[in-house]
Amino acid sequence: MLNRVTIDQLHMLAAVAECGSFSAAARRLNRVQSAVSQSIQSLEDALEVKLFDRSHKLPRLTDAGEAILIDARRVIGGVDALRARARSIATVAEPEITLAIEQVFPNEVLIGALKAFHEEYPSVSVTLYGEGLGAPEQSLHEGNAGLAIYSPARDGMPGVQMEFFGNVPISFVASARHPLARIGGPISQAQLDEHVQLTLTDRTRRFRGVVMSERTWSFIDQFNRLDFVLNGFGWCVMPTHLAWPHIENGDLCELKIAIHRGKPLRFPLYTAHKADQPPGPAATWLLGELRSRFADWIAARSAWQGTGEGIQVRVTAT
């Protein structure tokens, strides 16, 4: 039955799961909705399992669908890496890669991919900009970076080619000593407004992270902000992987927000490069390796993802 499964079907499965509906997935993939629906049906027939429960307004992954999605993401990442390796064999690699990447990106994925990259392309040098909110977009625009991974404040930039990379799980957190941590049930908007929210911005103040309180302090550096939260000042929205070690040891508390109704929160990341300066073979290989390792990293942390339709939170531009 597996000989009837195509990589295109796996891409559609991932798109429907990430977008939450067949119509949204069709828009992302630039396909008609009927083609997406038919492709998913064909995949279900080939695998002989039901991937989505269609009895609700929006399709929901079944338990089998959740398990198949994890493997599908691994296969997609592996195929991307395979294509990149084939291109690297046939093409002379570029001498240098400059990558600007947002601080929300998991460091263990980045380090692992770059170590593998060095083994594959030992003569190619790398300049890495690990930057705060909005900065990778600015580095790309100014020509300081040829490749960027970040969460854009808008759907597109003139002259820039963008592609969805993946979702980073995020959480609302406060110190275990903070008054919000002592609230038993879901926290209301009025209760959030009583306390200072620590938000992210950039040096130009053009970009802002998630703002949900009338009282805010703004930070440029993600890790500086974390120190303040750990010391009991304010609450914030941050990548779950940065907060999780402190949640596990009891220093931070994950807050449940009433208006989210238990839905998982996700921070979308995109790869970007100038349309007239596409990645060379080395950069393409690195992107494939990052995708593959990120898929494995997410799969190992499925408890953070939740089930069903999630909520994507976006950077805003002023």
C-alpha atoms as a PDB file:
ATOM      1  CA  MET A   1       0.000   0.000   0.000  1.00  0.00           C
ATOM      2  CA  LEU A   2       2.928   2.355   0.677  1.00  0.00           C
ATOM      3  CA  ASN A   3       3.902   2.409  -2.995  1.00  0.00           C
ATOM      4  CA  ARG A   4       0.805   4.593  -3.550  1.00  0.00           C
ATOM      5  CA  VAL A   5       1.907   7.243  -1.013  1.00  0.00           C
ATOM      6  CA  THR A   6       3.494  10.380  -2.480  1.00  0.00           C
ATOM      7  CA  ILE A   7       5.526  13.173  -0.908  1.00  0.00           C
ATOM      8  CA  ASP A   8       2.917  15.624  -2.212  1.00  0.00           C
ATOM      9  CA  GLN A   9       0.247  13.870  -0.133  1.00  0.00           C
ATOM     10  CA  LEU A  10       2.439  14.127   2.960  1.00  0.00           C
ATOM     11  CA  HIS A  11       2.944  17.846   2.346  1.00  0.00           C
ATOM     12  CA  MET A  12      -0.843  18.249   2.135  1.00  0.00           C
ATOM     13  CA  LEU A  13      -1.364  16.270   5.348  1.00  0.00           C
ATOM     14  CA  ALA A  14       1.081  18.536   7.177  1.00  0.00           C
ATOM     15  CA  ALA A  15      -0.500  21.668   5.699  1.00  0.00           C
ATOM     16  CA  VAL A  16      -4.052  20.694   6.743  1.00  0.00           C
ATOM     17  CA  ALA A  17      -2.861  19.818  10.253  1.00  0.00           C
ATOM     18  CA  GLU A  18      -0.964  23.110  10.616  1.00  0.00           C
ATOM     19  CA  CYS A  19      -3.592  25.362   9.002  1.00  0.00           C
ATOM     20  CA  GLY A  20      -6.604  23.733  10.664  1.00  0.00           C
ATOM     21  CA  SER A  21      -8.762  23.346   7.558  1.00  0.00           C
ATOM     22  CA  PHE A  22      -8.692  22.080   3.979  1.00  0.00           C
ATOM     23  CA  SER A  23      -9.445  25.548   2.600  1.00  0.00           C
ATOM     24  CA  ALA A  24      -6.607  27.219   4.540  1.00  0.00           C
ATOM     25  CA  ALA A  25      -4.195  24.483   3.471  1.00  0.00           C
ATOM     26  CA  ALA A  26      -5.252  24.952  -0.150  1.00  0.00           C
ATOM     27  CA  ARG A  27      -4.472  28.677   0.076  1.00  0.00           C
ATOM     28  CA  ARG A  28      -1.022  28.018   1.528  1.00  0.00           C
ATOM     29  CA  LEU A  29      -0.213  25.422  -1.120  1.00  0.00           C
ATOM     30  CA  ASN A  30      -1.766  27.457  -3.933  1.00  0.00           C
ATOM     31  CA  ARG A  31      -4.096  24.571  -4.788  1.00  0.00           C
ATOM     32  CA  VAL A  32      -7.866  24.274  -5.124  1.00  0.00           C
ATOM     33  CA  GLN A  33      -9.602  22.890  -2.049  1.00  0.00           C
ATOM     34  CA  SER A  34     -10.987  19.881  -3.921  1.00  0.00           C
ATOM     35  CA  ALA A  35      -7.451  18.797  -4.853  1.00  0.00           C
ATOM     36  CA  VAL A  36      -6.360  18.909  -1.223  1.00  0.00           C
ATOM     37  CA  SER A  37      -9.434  17.001  -0.045  1.00  0.00           C
ATOM     38  CA  GLN A  38      -8.978  14.351  -2.742  1.00  0.00           C
ATOM     39  CA  SER A  39      -5.287  13.975  -1.949  1.00  0.00           C
ATOM     40  CA  ILE A  40      -6.009  13.406   1.757  1.00  0.00           C
ATOM     41  CA  GLN A  41      -8.714  10.887   0.861  1.00  0.00           C
ATOM     42  CA  SER A  42      -6.265   9.041  -1.420  1.00  0.00           C
ATOM     43  CA  LEU A  43      -3.673   9.016   1.370  1.00  0.00           C
ATOM     44  CA  GLU A  44      -6.232   7.577   3.801  1.00  0.00           C
ATOM     45  CA  ASP A  45      -7.114   4.875   1.251  1.00  0.00           C
ATOM     46  CA  ALA A  46      -3.466   4.031   0.656  1.00  0.00           C
ATOM     47  CA  LEU A  47      -2.664   3.799   4.387  1.00  0.00           C
ATOM     48  CA  GLU A  48      -6.016   2.208   5.236  1.00  0.00           C
ATOM     49  CA  VAL A  49      -6.511   4.539   8.212  1.00  0.00           C
ATOM     50  CA  LYS A  50      -8.717   7.546   8.859  1.00  0.00           C
ATOM     51  CA  LEU A  51      -6.472  10.597   9.333  1.00  0.00           C
ATOM     52  CA  PHE A  52      -9.120  13.261   9.998  1.00  0.00           C
ATOM     53  CA  ASP A  53     -12.445  13.320  11.809  1.00  0.00           C
ATOM     54  CA  ARG A  54     -14.716  15.289   9.478  1.00  0.00           C
ATOM     55  CA  SER A  55     -17.800  15.264  11.710  1.00  0.00           C
ATOM     56  CA  HIS A  56     -16.999  18.729  13.097  1.00  0.00           C
ATOM     57  CA  LYS A  57     -16.968  22.163  11.493  1.00  0.00           C
ATOM     58  CA  LEU A  58     -13.209  21.875  11.034  1.00  0.00           C
ATOM     59  CA  PRO A  59     -11.310  18.629  10.424  1.00  0.00           C
ATOM     60  CA  ARG A  60      -9.560  17.178  13.454  1.00  0.00           C
ATOM     61  CA  LEU A  61      -6.681  14.733  13.401  1.00  0.00           C
ATOM     62  CA  THR A  62      -7.583  11.294  14.669  1.00  0.00           C
ATOM     63  CA  ASP A  63      -5.181   9.443  16.972  1.00  0.00           C
ATOM     64  CA  ALA A  64      -3.900   7.608  13.914  1.00  0.00           C
ATOM     65  CA  GLY A  65      -3.571  10.905  12.089  1.00  0.00           C
ATOM     66  CA  GLU A  66      -1.454  12.374  14.911  1.00  0.00           C
ATOM     67  CA  ALA A  67       0.906   9.395  14.724  1.00  0.00           C
ATOM     68  CA  ILE A  68       1.124   9.435  10.909  1.00  0.00           C
ATOM     69  CA  LEU A  69       1.760  13.211  10.934  1.00  0.00           C
ATOM     70  CA  ILE A  70       4.899  12.738  13.038  1.00  0.00           C
ATOM     71  CA  ASP A  71       6.297  10.240  10.528  1.00  0.00           C
ATOM     72  CA  ALA A  72       5.189  12.400   7.589  1.00  0.00           C
ATOM     73  CA  ARG A  73       7.164  15.369   8.891  1.00  0.00           C
ATOM     74  CA  ARG A  74      10.251  13.187   9.260  1.00  0.00           C
ATOM     75  CA  VAL A  75       9.878  11.936   5.683  1.00  0.00           C
ATOM     76  CA  ILE A  76       9.401  15.483   4.339  1.00  0.00           C
ATOM     77  CA  GLY A  77      12.537  16.649   6.122  1.00  0.00           C
ATOM     78  CA  GLY A  78      14.460  13.613   4.852  1.00  0.00           C
ATOM     79  CA  VAL A  79      13.386  14.205   1.258  1.00  0.00           C
ATOM     80  CA  ASP A  80      14.382  17.881   1.509  1.00  0.00           C
ATOM     81  CA  ALA A  81      17.815  16.817   2.773  1.00  0.00           C
ATOM     82  CA  LEU A  82      18.117  14.222   0.003  1.00  0.00           C
ATOM     83  CA  ARG A  83      17.289  16.767  -2.686  1.00  0.00           C
ATOM     84  CA  ALA A  84      19.769  19.209  -1.201  1.00  0.00           C
ATOM     85  CA  ARG A  85      22.516  16.568  -1.141  1.00  0.00           C
ATOM     86  CA  ALA A  86      21.859  15.678  -4.789  1.00  0.00           C
ATOM     87  CA  ARG A  87      22.171  19.353  -5.724  1.00  0.00           C
ATOM     88  CA  SER A  88      25.376  19.714  -3.706  1.00  0.00           C
ATOM     89  CA  ILE A  89      26.949  16.829  -5.621  1.00  0.00           C
ATOM     90  CA  ALA A  90      26.070  18.398  -8.958  1.00  0.00           C
ATOM     91  CA  THR A  91      26.877  22.009  -8.084  1.00  0.00           C
ATOM     92  CA  VAL A  92      29.818  23.884  -6.644  1.00  0.00           C
ATOM     93  CA  ALA A  93      28.922  25.157  -3.165  1.00  0.00           C
ATOM     94  CA  GLU A  94      28.964  28.822  -2.216  1.00  0.00           C
ATOM     95  CA  PRO A  95      31.978  29.871  -0.061  1.00  0.00           C
ATOM     96  CA  GLU A  96      29.939  31.440   2.771  1.00  0.00           C
ATOM     97  CA  ILE A  97      26.462  31.348   4.315  1.00  0.00           C
ATOM     98  CA  THR A  98      25.002  34.183   6.381  1.00  0.00           C
ATOM     99  CA  LEU A  99      21.985  33.150   8.450  1.00  0.00           C
ATOM    100  CA  ALA A 100      19.829  35.412  10.631  1.00  0.00           C
ATOM    101  CA  ILE A 101      17.627  33.425  12.972  1.00  0.00           C
ATOM    102  CA  GLU A 102      15.164  34.503  15.652  1.00  0.00           C
ATOM    103  CA  GLN A 103      15.927  33.681  19.297  1.00  0.00           C
ATOM    104  CA  VAL A 104      12.770  31.580  19.591  1.00  0.00           C
ATOM    105  CA  PHE A 105      14.408  28.890  17.439  1.00  0.00           C
ATOM    106  CA  PRO A 106      15.556  25.913  19.564  1.00  0.00           C
ATOM    107  CA  ASN A 107      19.308  26.049  19.996  1.00  0.00           C
ATOM    108  CA  GLU A 108      19.783  22.288  20.146  1.00  0.00           C
ATOM    109  CA  VAL A 109      18.260  21.956  16.664  1.00  0.00           C
ATOM    110  CA  LEU A 110      20.408  24.774  15.303  1.00  0.00           C
ATOM    111  CA  ILE A 111      23.651  23.484  16.813  1.00  0.00           C
ATOM    112  CA  GLY A 112      23.015  19.915  15.661  1.00  0.00           C
ATOM    113  CA  ALA A 113      22.258  21.050  12.106  1.00  0.00           C
ATOM    114  CA  LEU A 114      25.319  23.295  11.923  1.00  0.00           C
ATOM    115  CA  LYS A 115      27.619  20.521  13.194  1.00  0.00           C
ATOM    116  CA  ALA A 116      26.246  18.191  10.502  1.00  0.00           C
ATOM    117  CA  PHE A 117      26.632  20.989   7.952  1.00  0.00           C
ATOM    118  CA  HIS A 118      30.292  21.437   8.837  1.00  0.00           C
ATOM    119  CA  GLU A 119      30.896  17.732   8.247  1.00  0.00           C
ATOM    120  CA  GLU A 120      29.162  17.939   4.852  1.00  0.00           C
ATOM    121  CA  TYR A 121      30.679  21.282   3.769  1.00  0.00           C
ATOM    122  CA  PRO A 122      33.893  21.752   5.810  1.00  0.00           C
ATOM    123  CA  SER A 123      35.179  24.506   3.498  1.00  0.00           C
ATOM    124  CA  VAL A 124      32.037  26.689   3.711  1.00  0.00           C
ATOM    125  CA  SER A 125      32.145  29.346   6.430  1.00  0.00           C
ATOM    126  CA  VAL A 126      29.030  30.394   8.353  1.00  0.00           C
ATOM    127  CA  THR A 127      28.094  33.775   9.836  1.00  0.00           C
ATOM    128  CA  LEU A 128      25.232  33.376  12.298  1.00  0.00           C
ATOM    129  CA  TYR A 129      23.069  36.202  13.617  1.00  0.00           C
ATOM    130  CA  GLY A 130      20.993  34.987  16.575  1.00  0.00           C
ATOM    131  CA  GLU A 131      18.642  37.937  16.814  1.00  0.00           C
ATOM    132  CA  GLY A 132      15.610  39.305  18.598  1.00  0.00           C
ATOM    133  CA  LEU A 133      12.172  40.207  17.354  1.00  0.00           C
ATOM    134  CA  GLY A 134      12.086  41.592  13.799  1.00  0.00           C
ATOM    135  CA  ALA A 135      15.878  41.738  13.480  1.00  0.00           C
ATOM    136  CA  PRO A 136      16.274  38.817  11.017  1.00  0.00           C
ATOM    137  CA  GLU A 137      13.894  40.551   8.604  1.00  0.00           C
ATOM    138  CA  GLN A 138      15.945  43.735   8.904  1.00  0.00           C
ATOM    139  CA  SER A 139      19.218  41.851   8.354  1.00  0.00           C
ATOM    140  CA  LEU A 140      17.778  40.281   5.219  1.00  0.00           C
ATOM    141  CA  HIS A 141      16.456  43.616   3.939  1.00  0.00           C
ATOM    142  CA  GLU A 142      19.806  45.372   4.521  1.00  0.00           C
ATOM    143  CA  GLY A 143      21.781  42.588   2.851  1.00  0.00           C
ATOM    144  CA  ASN A 144      23.637  41.501   5.994  1.00  0.00           C
ATOM    145  CA  ALA A 145      22.095  38.014   5.790  1.00  0.00           C
ATOM    146  CA  GLY A 146      21.324  35.922   2.733  1.00  0.00           C
ATOM    147  CA  LEU A 147      18.956  33.625   4.571  1.00  0.00           C
ATOM    148  CA  ALA A 148      16.600  34.211   7.500  1.00  0.00           C
ATOM    149  CA  ILE A 149      14.312  32.152   9.757  1.00  0.00           C
ATOM    150  CA  TYR A 150      11.814  34.229  11.701  1.00  0.00           C
ATOM    151  CA  SER A 151       8.160  35.061  12.295  1.00  0.00           C
ATOM    152  CA  PRO A 152       7.097  37.828   9.904  1.00  0.00           C
ATOM    153  CA  ALA A 153       4.781  40.646  10.909  1.00  0.00           C
ATOM    154  CA  ARG A 154       3.122  40.556   7.492  1.00  0.00           C
ATOM    155  CA  ASP A 155       2.330  37.885   4.952  1.00  0.00           C
ATOM    156  CA  GLY A 156       4.932  38.954   2.420  1.00  0.00           C
ATOM    157  CA  MET A 157       7.695  41.425   1.547  1.00  0.00           C
ATOM    158  CA  PRO A 158       8.341  42.768  -1.954  1.00  0.00           C
ATOM    159  CA  GLY A 159      11.224  40.910  -3.564  1.00  0.00           C
ATOM    160  CA  VAL A 160      11.436  38.289  -0.785  1.00  0.00           C
ATOM    161  CA  GLN A 161      10.649  34.594  -1.189  1.00  0.00           C
ATOM    162  CA  MET A 162       9.122  33.081   1.962  1.00  0.00           C
ATOM    163  CA  GLU A 163       8.203  29.517   2.890  1.00  0.00           C
ATOM    164  CA  PHE A 164       6.552  28.145   6.013  1.00  0.00           C
ATOM    165  CA  PHE A 165       9.068  26.342   8.233  1.00  0.00           C
ATOM    166  CA  GLY A 166       7.167  25.163  11.316  1.00  0.00           C
ATOM    167  CA  ASN A 167       5.405  26.148  14.522  1.00  0.00           C
ATOM    168  CA  VAL A 168       7.165  26.742  17.843  1.00  0.00           C
ATOM    169  CA  PRO A 169       4.897  25.960  20.843  1.00  0.00           C
ATOM    170  CA  ILE A 170       4.482  28.917  23.201  1.00  0.00           C
ATOM    171  CA  SER A 171       3.167  29.301  26.744  1.00  0.00           C
ATOM    172  CA  PHE A 172       1.904  31.990  29.093  1.00  0.00           C
ATOM    173  CA  VAL A 173       4.120  31.914  32.180  1.00  0.00           C
ATOM    174  CA  ALA A 174       4.797  33.697  35.462  1.00  0.00           C
ATOM    175  CA  SER A 175       6.945  33.018  38.480  1.00  0.00           C
ATOM    176  CA  ALA A 176       5.488  30.467  40.870  1.00  0.00           C
ATOM    177  CA  ARG A 177       5.528  33.340  43.406  1.00  0.00           C
ATOM    178  CA  HIS A 178       3.489  35.662  41.167  1.00  0.00           C
ATOM    179  CA  PRO A 179      -0.165  36.394  42.121  1.00  0.00           C
ATOM    180  CA  LEU A 180      -1.395  35.012  38.768  1.00  0.00           C
ATOM    181  CA  ALA A 181       0.141  31.632  39.607  1.00  0.00           C
ATOM    182  CA  ARG A 182      -2.182  31.351  42.614  1.00  0.00           C
ATOM    183  CA  ILE A 183      -5.387  31.619  40.565  1.00  0.00           C
ATOM    184  CA  GLY A 184      -7.049  28.226  40.496  1.00  0.00           C
ATOM    185  CA  GLY A 185      -8.947  28.283  37.203  1.00  0.00           C
ATOM    186  CA  PRO A 186      -8.537  29.916  33.790  1.00  0.00           C
ATOM    187  CA  ILE A 187      -7.348  33.516  34.024  1.00  0.00           C
ATOM    188  CA  SER A 188      -9.605  36.270  32.676  1.00  0.00           C
ATOM    189  CA  GLN A 189      -8.545  39.301  30.656  1.00  0.00           C
ATOM    190  CA  ALA A 190      -9.385  41.566  33.612  1.00  0.00           C
ATOM    191  CA  GLN A 191      -7.027  39.563  35.830  1.00  0.00           C
ATOM    192  CA  LEU A 192      -4.225  39.796  33.241  1.00  0.00           C
ATOM    193  CA  ASP A 193      -4.697  43.581  33.040  1.00  0.00           C
ATOM    194  CA  GLU A 194      -3.983  43.899  36.766  1.00  0.00           C
ATOM    195  CA  HIS A 195      -0.363  42.847  36.232  1.00  0.00           C
ATOM    196  CA  VAL A 196       2.563  43.966  34.064  1.00  0.00           C
ATOM    197  CA  GLN A 197       3.149  41.931  30.911  1.00  0.00           C
ATOM    198  CA  LEU A 198       6.755  41.664  29.738  1.00  0.00           C
ATOM    199  CA  THR A 199       6.657  41.925  25.946  1.00  0.00           C
ATOM    200  CA  LEU A 200       9.290  41.789  23.218  1.00  0.00           C
ATOM    201  CA  THR A 201      10.153  44.569  20.784  1.00  0.00           C
ATOM    202  CA  ASP A 202      13.106  45.553  18.596  1.00  0.00           C
ATOM    203  CA  ARG A 203      15.532  48.470  18.801  1.00  0.00           C
ATOM    204  CA  THR A 204      13.526  50.522  16.324  1.00  0.00           C
ATOM    205  CA  ARG A 205      10.236  49.696  18.150  1.00  0.00           C
ATOM    206  CA  ARG A 206       8.736  48.771  14.767  1.00  0.00           C
ATOM    207  CA  PHE A 207       7.880  45.230  15.880  1.00  0.00           C
ATOM    208  CA  ARG A 208       6.050  43.927  18.926  1.00  0.00           C
ATOM    209  CA  GLY A 209       5.329  40.467  20.226  1.00  0.00           C
ATOM    210  CA  VAL A 210       2.030  39.298  21.712  1.00  0.00           C
ATOM    211  CA  VAL A 211       0.419  42.089  23.770  1.00  0.00           C
ATOM    212  CA  MET A 212      -2.522  41.135  25.985  1.00  0.00           C
ATOM    213  CA  SER A 213      -2.337  43.558  28.901  1.00  0.00           C
ATOM    214  CA  GLU A 214      -2.897  47.269  29.331  1.00  0.00           C
ATOM    215  CA  ARG A 215       0.304  47.421  31.402  1.00  0.00           C
ATOM    216  CA  THR A 216       3.512  46.434  29.608  1.00  0.00           C
ATOM    217  CA  TRP A 217       7.263  46.592  29.892  1.00  0.00           C
ATOM    218  CA  SER A 218       9.177  45.978  26.649  1.00  0.00           C
ATOM    219  CA  PHE A 219      12.398  44.008  26.224  1.00  0.00           C
ATOM    220  CA  ILE A 220      14.690  43.524  23.241  1.00  0.00           C
ATOM    221  CA  ASP A 221      16.372  40.375  24.533  1.00  0.00           C
ATOM    222  CA  GLN A 222      14.383  37.167  25.140  1.00  0.00           C
ATOM    223  CA  PHE A 223      16.762  35.891  27.813  1.00  0.00           C
ATOM    224  CA  ASN A 224      16.945  39.149  29.739  1.00  0.00           C
ATOM    225  CA  ARG A 225      13.155  39.082  29.913  1.00  0.00           C
ATOM    226  CA  LEU A 226      13.252  35.499  31.234  1.00  0.00           C
ATOM    227  CA  ASP A 227      15.455  36.623  34.134  1.00  0.00           C
ATOM    228  CA  PHE A 228      12.836  39.188  35.149  1.00  0.00           C
ATOM    229  CA  VAL A 229      10.026  36.618  35.046  1.00  0.00           C
ATOM    230  CA  LEU A 230      12.073  34.144  37.084  1.00  0.00           C
ATOM    231  CA  ASN A 231      12.581  36.846  39.689  1.00  0.00           C
ATOM    232  CA  GLY A 232       8.842  37.296  40.108  1.00  0.00           C
ATOM    233  CA  PHE A 233       8.299  40.455  38.082  1.00  0.00           C
ATOM    234  CA  GLY A 234       5.487  40.390  35.539  1.00  0.00           C
ATOM    235  CA  TRP A 235       4.184  37.625  33.295  1.00  0.00           C
ATOM    236  CA  CYS A 236       4.914  36.888  29.645  1.00  0.00           C
ATOM    237  CA  VAL A 237       4.335  34.799  26.537  1.00  0.00           C
ATOM    238  CA  MET A 238       7.427  32.802  25.590  1.00  0.00           C
ATOM    239  CA  PRO A 239       8.548  29.699  23.703  1.00  0.00           C
ATOM    240  CA  THR A 240       7.640  26.628  25.732  1.00  0.00           C
ATOM    241  CA  HIS A 241      11.088  25.085  25.315  1.00  0.00           C
ATOM    242  CA  LEU A 242      12.710  28.074  27.048  1.00  0.00           C
ATOM    243  CA  ALA A 243      10.234  28.022  29.919  1.00  0.00           C
ATOM    244  CA  TRP A 244       9.870  24.262  30.349  1.00  0.00           C
ATOM    245  CA  PRO A 245      13.000  23.517  32.451  1.00  0.00           C
ATOM    246  CA  HIS A 246      11.886  26.239  34.889  1.00  0.00           C
ATOM    247  CA  ILE A 247       8.304  24.921  34.901  1.00  0.00           C
ATOM    248  CA  GLU A 248       9.566  21.431  35.693  1.00  0.00           C
ATOM    249  CA  ASN A 249      11.719  22.614  38.616  1.00  0.00           C
ATOM    250  CA  GLY A 250       8.881  24.732  40.019  1.00  0.00           C
ATOM    251  CA  ASP A 251      10.325  28.200  39.400  1.00  0.00           C
ATOM    252  CA  LEU A 252       7.750  29.081  36.722  1.00  0.00           C
ATOM    253  CA  CYS A 253       4.054  28.332  36.437  1.00  0.00           C
ATOM    254  CA  GLU A 254       2.219  27.837  33.119  1.00  0.00           C
ATOM    255  CA  LEU A 255      -0.870  30.068  33.055  1.00  0.00           C
ATOM    256  CA  LYS A 256      -4.184  28.942  31.569  1.00  0.00           C
ATOM    257  CA  ILE A 257      -5.903  31.833  29.778  1.00  0.00           C
ATOM    258  CA  ALA A 258      -9.712  31.784  29.625  1.00  0.00           C
ATOM    259  CA  ILE A 259     -10.157  33.167  26.100  1.00  0.00           C
ATOM    260  CA  HIS A 260      -7.945  30.438  24.591  1.00  0.00           C
ATOM    261  CA  ARG A 261     -10.243  27.681  25.891  1.00  0.00           C
ATOM    262  CA  GLY A 262      -7.382  25.243  26.239  1.00  0.00           C
ATOM    263  CA  LYS A 263      -6.264  25.492  22.608  1.00  0.00           C
ATOM    264  CA  PRO A 264      -2.508  25.103  21.996  1.00  0.00           C
ATOM    265  CA  LEU A 265      -0.622  28.258  21.052  1.00  0.00           C
ATOM    266  CA  ARG A 266       1.879  28.246  18.189  1.00  0.00           C
ATOM    267  CA  PHE A 267       4.429  30.755  16.900  1.00  0.00           C
ATOM    268  CA  PRO A 268       4.893  30.302  13.127  1.00  0.00           C
ATOM    269  CA  LEU A 269       8.378  30.475  11.632  1.00  0.00           C
ATOM    270  CA  TYR A 270       9.225  31.042   7.964  1.00  0.00           C
ATOM    271  CA  THR A 271      12.390  30.804   5.916  1.00  0.00           C
ATOM    272  CA  ALA A 272      13.125  33.815   3.727  1.00  0.00           C
ATOM    273  CA  HIS A 273      15.619  34.954   1.128  1.00  0.00           C
ATOM    274  CA  LYS A 274      15.679  37.629  -1.546  1.00  0.00           C
ATOM    275  CA  ALA A 275      13.915  36.412  -4.664  1.00  0.00           C
ATOM    276  CA  ASP A 276      16.866  37.355  -6.884  1.00  0.00           C
ATOM    277  CA  GLN A 277      19.383  35.661  -4.536  1.00  0.00           C
ATOM    278  CA  PRO A 278      18.153  32.066  -4.043  1.00  0.00           C
ATOM    279  CA  PRO A 279      20.067  29.783  -1.663  1.00  0.00           C
ATOM    280  CA  GLY A 280      23.026  27.955  -3.148  1.00  0.00           C
ATOM    281  CA  PRO A 281      23.564  24.207  -2.729  1.00  0.00           C
ATOM    282  CA  ALA A 282      25.165  24.520   0.727  1.00  0.00           C
ATOM    283  CA  ALA A 283      22.427  26.780   2.104  1.00  0.00           C
ATOM    284  CA  THR A 284      19.761  24.508   0.579  1.00  0.00           C
ATOM    285  CA  TRP A 285      21.338  21.501   2.279  1.00  0.00           C
ATOM    286  CA  LEU A 286      21.407  23.363   5.601  1.00  0.00           C
ATOM    287  CA  LEU A 287      17.713  24.275   5.288  1.00  0.00           C
ATOM    288  CA  GLY A 288      16.831  20.634   4.657  1.00  0.00           C
ATOM    289  CA  GLU A 289      18.856  19.549   7.682  1.00  0.00           C
ATOM    290  CA  LEU A 290      17.198  22.195   9.871  1.00  0.00           C
ATOM    291  CA  ARG A 291      13.737  21.074   8.714  1.00  0.00           C
ATOM    292  CA  SER A 292      14.477  17.419   9.381  1.00  0.00           C
ATOM    293  CA  ARG A 293      15.923  18.023  12.843  1.00  0.00           C
ATOM    294  CA  PHE A 294      13.146  20.457  13.747  1.00  0.00           C
ATOM    295  CA  ALA A 295      10.523  17.845  12.782  1.00  0.00           C
ATOM    296  CA  ASP A 296      12.223  15.292  15.046  1.00  0.00           C
ATOM    297  CA  TRP A 297      12.478  17.846  17.855  1.00  0.00           C
ATOM    298  CA  ILE A 298       8.763  18.684  17.611  1.00  0.00           C
ATOM    299  CA  ALA A 299       7.787  15.014  17.404  1.00  0.00           C
ATOM    300  CA  ALA A 300       9.645  14.318  20.650  1.00  0.00           C
ATOM    301  CA  ARG A 301       7.647  17.059  22.352  1.00  0.00           C
ATOM    302  CA  SER A 302       4.156  16.175  21.166  1.00  0.00           C
ATOM    303  CA  ALA A 303       2.703  16.936  24.625  1.00  0.00           C
ATOM    304  CA  TRP A 304       3.426  20.630  24.004  1.00  0.00           C
ATOM    305  CA  GLN A 305       1.532  20.620  20.708  1.00  0.00           C
ATOM    306  CA  GLY A 306      -1.906  19.696  22.019  1.00  0.00           C
ATOM    307  CA  THR A 307      -4.528  18.268  19.711  1.00  0.00           C
ATOM    308  CA  GLY A 308      -7.011  19.822  17.320  1.00  0.00           C
ATOM    309  CA  GLU A 309      -6.976  23.342  15.968  1.00  0.00           C
ATOM    310  CA  GLY A 310      -4.374  25.598  17.560  1.00  0.00           C
ATOM    311  CA  ILE A 311      -3.999  29.365  17.718  1.00  0.00           C
ATOM    312  CA  GLN A 312      -1.181  31.012  15.785  1.00  0.00           C
ATOM    313  CA  VAL A 313       0.226  34.148  17.405  1.00  0.00           C
ATOM    314  CA  ARG A 314       2.001  36.654  15.219  1.00  0.00           C
ATOM    315  CA  VAL A 315       4.428  39.529  15.536  1.00  0.00           C
ATOM    316  CA  THR A 316       2.838  42.929  14.851  1.00  0.00           C
ATOM    317  CA  ALA A 317       4.416  45.875  13.017  1.00  0.00           C
ATOM    318  CA  THR A 318       3.824  49.511  13.916  1.00  0.00           C
END
